[in-house]
Amino acid sequence: MKKALKVWVLVGQLQKVARFRLEGTHPMDNTASASHAWGVFGAMSDHLSGRWVNTTLNRGVGALHVMIMLVVVTRYY
C-alpha cells in the first residue's frame, strides 16, 4: 500500500511538471492558461493551436497516470 502511494505521488508530481513545462504555469497554479505557452509552443503564437496541443498532451499524461495506477494496483494487491 505504501509503495503504491509513493508511485501515485511521484507520477502526480511528474504530471504537474509536464504541465508546467508545456504551459509555462507554476505547478502549484491551478488556473493553468495555455495563452502563454512558451518554448516549442511559443513559436505557435496562434492561441487555438497552442491550447489544442496543451490539452491533448495533458489528457495523454492524465491517461498515462491512470494506466500506471491500474498496473500498480493490480500488481501489489
Protein backbone atom coordinates (compact mmCIF):
# COMPACT_ATOMS: atom_id res chain seq x y z
CA MET A 1 0.00 0.00 0.00
CA LYS A 2 2.78 2.41 0.96
CA LYS A 3 4.67 1.60 -2.25
CA ALA A 4 1.59 2.21 -4.40
CA LEU A 5 1.01 5.54 -2.67
CA LYS A 6 4.62 6.60 -3.33
CA VAL A 7 4.27 5.75 -7.03
CA TRP A 8 0.97 7.67 -7.18
CA VAL A 9 2.57 10.78 -5.64
CA LEU A 10 5.62 10.53 -7.90
CA VAL A 11 3.54 10.21 -11.07
CA GLY A 12 1.36 13.11 -9.90
CA GLN A 13 4.47 15.27 -9.48
CA LEU A 14 5.69 14.30 -12.95
CA GLN A 15 2.30 15.22 -14.38
CA LYS A 16 2.47 18.65 -12.71
CA VAL A 17 5.99 19.23 -14.01
CA ALA A 18 4.98 18.17 -17.53
CA ARG A 19 2.05 20.57 -17.45
CA PHE A 20 4.33 23.33 -16.14
CA ARG A 21 6.85 22.76 -18.91
CA LEU A 22 4.14 22.80 -21.58
CA GLU A 23 2.04 25.73 -20.44
CA GLY A 24 4.59 27.85 -18.61
CA THR A 25 2.49 27.85 -15.46
CA HIS A 26 3.65 27.15 -11.94
CA PRO A 27 2.94 23.57 -10.78
CA MET A 28 1.03 24.94 -7.78
CA ASP A 29 -1.07 27.21 -10.01
CA ASN A 30 -4.43 25.56 -10.69
CA THR A 31 -5.53 28.22 -13.18
CA ALA A 32 -3.31 26.96 -15.99
CA SER A 33 -3.75 29.06 -19.11
CA ALA A 34 -2.47 27.97 -22.47
CA SER A 35 -2.26 31.54 -23.75
CA HIS A 36 1.33 31.94 -22.54
CA ALA A 37 2.66 28.70 -23.94
CA TRP A 38 6.41 29.07 -24.29
CA GLY A 39 9.37 27.13 -25.60
CA VAL A 40 8.42 24.96 -28.55
CA PHE A 41 4.82 26.17 -28.39
CA GLY A 42 5.92 29.81 -28.19
CA ALA A 43 6.52 29.65 -31.94
CA MET A 44 2.85 28.86 -32.40
CA SER A 45 1.57 32.19 -31.19
CA ASP A 46 -1.82 31.18 -32.52
CA HIS A 47 -3.97 30.89 -29.41
CA LEU A 48 -6.04 27.93 -30.54
CA SER A 49 -3.24 25.70 -31.78
CA GLY A 50 -1.29 26.20 -28.54
CA ARG A 51 -4.34 25.38 -26.47
CA TRP A 52 -5.12 22.30 -28.57
CA VAL A 53 -1.60 20.90 -28.18
CA ASN A 54 -1.58 21.53 -24.43
CA THR A 55 -4.97 19.99 -23.69
CA THR A 56 -4.21 16.97 -25.87
CA LEU A 57 -0.89 16.36 -24.12
CA ASN A 58 -2.44 16.90 -20.70
CA ARG A 59 -5.11 14.32 -21.47
CA GLY A 60 -2.41 11.93 -22.64
CA VAL A 61 -0.39 12.40 -19.45
CA GLY A 62 -3.57 12.04 -17.38
CA ALA A 63 -4.43 8.79 -19.15
CA LEU A 64 -0.88 7.54 -18.58
CA HIS A 65 -1.24 8.40 -14.89
CA VAL A 66 -4.41 6.30 -14.65
CA MET A 67 -2.84 3.39 -16.56
CA ILE A 68 0.22 3.35 -14.29
CA MET A 69 -2.04 3.36 -11.23
CA LEU A 70 -4.05 0.42 -12.62
CA VAL A 71 -0.84 -1.55 -13.19
CA VAL A 72 0.42 -0.72 -9.68
CA VAL A 73 -2.89 -1.59 -8.03
CA THR A 74 -3.27 -4.90 -9.88
CA ARG A 75 0.35 -5.81 -9.23
CA TYR A 76 0.51 -5.13 -5.50
CA TYR A 77 -2.97 -6.24 -4.41
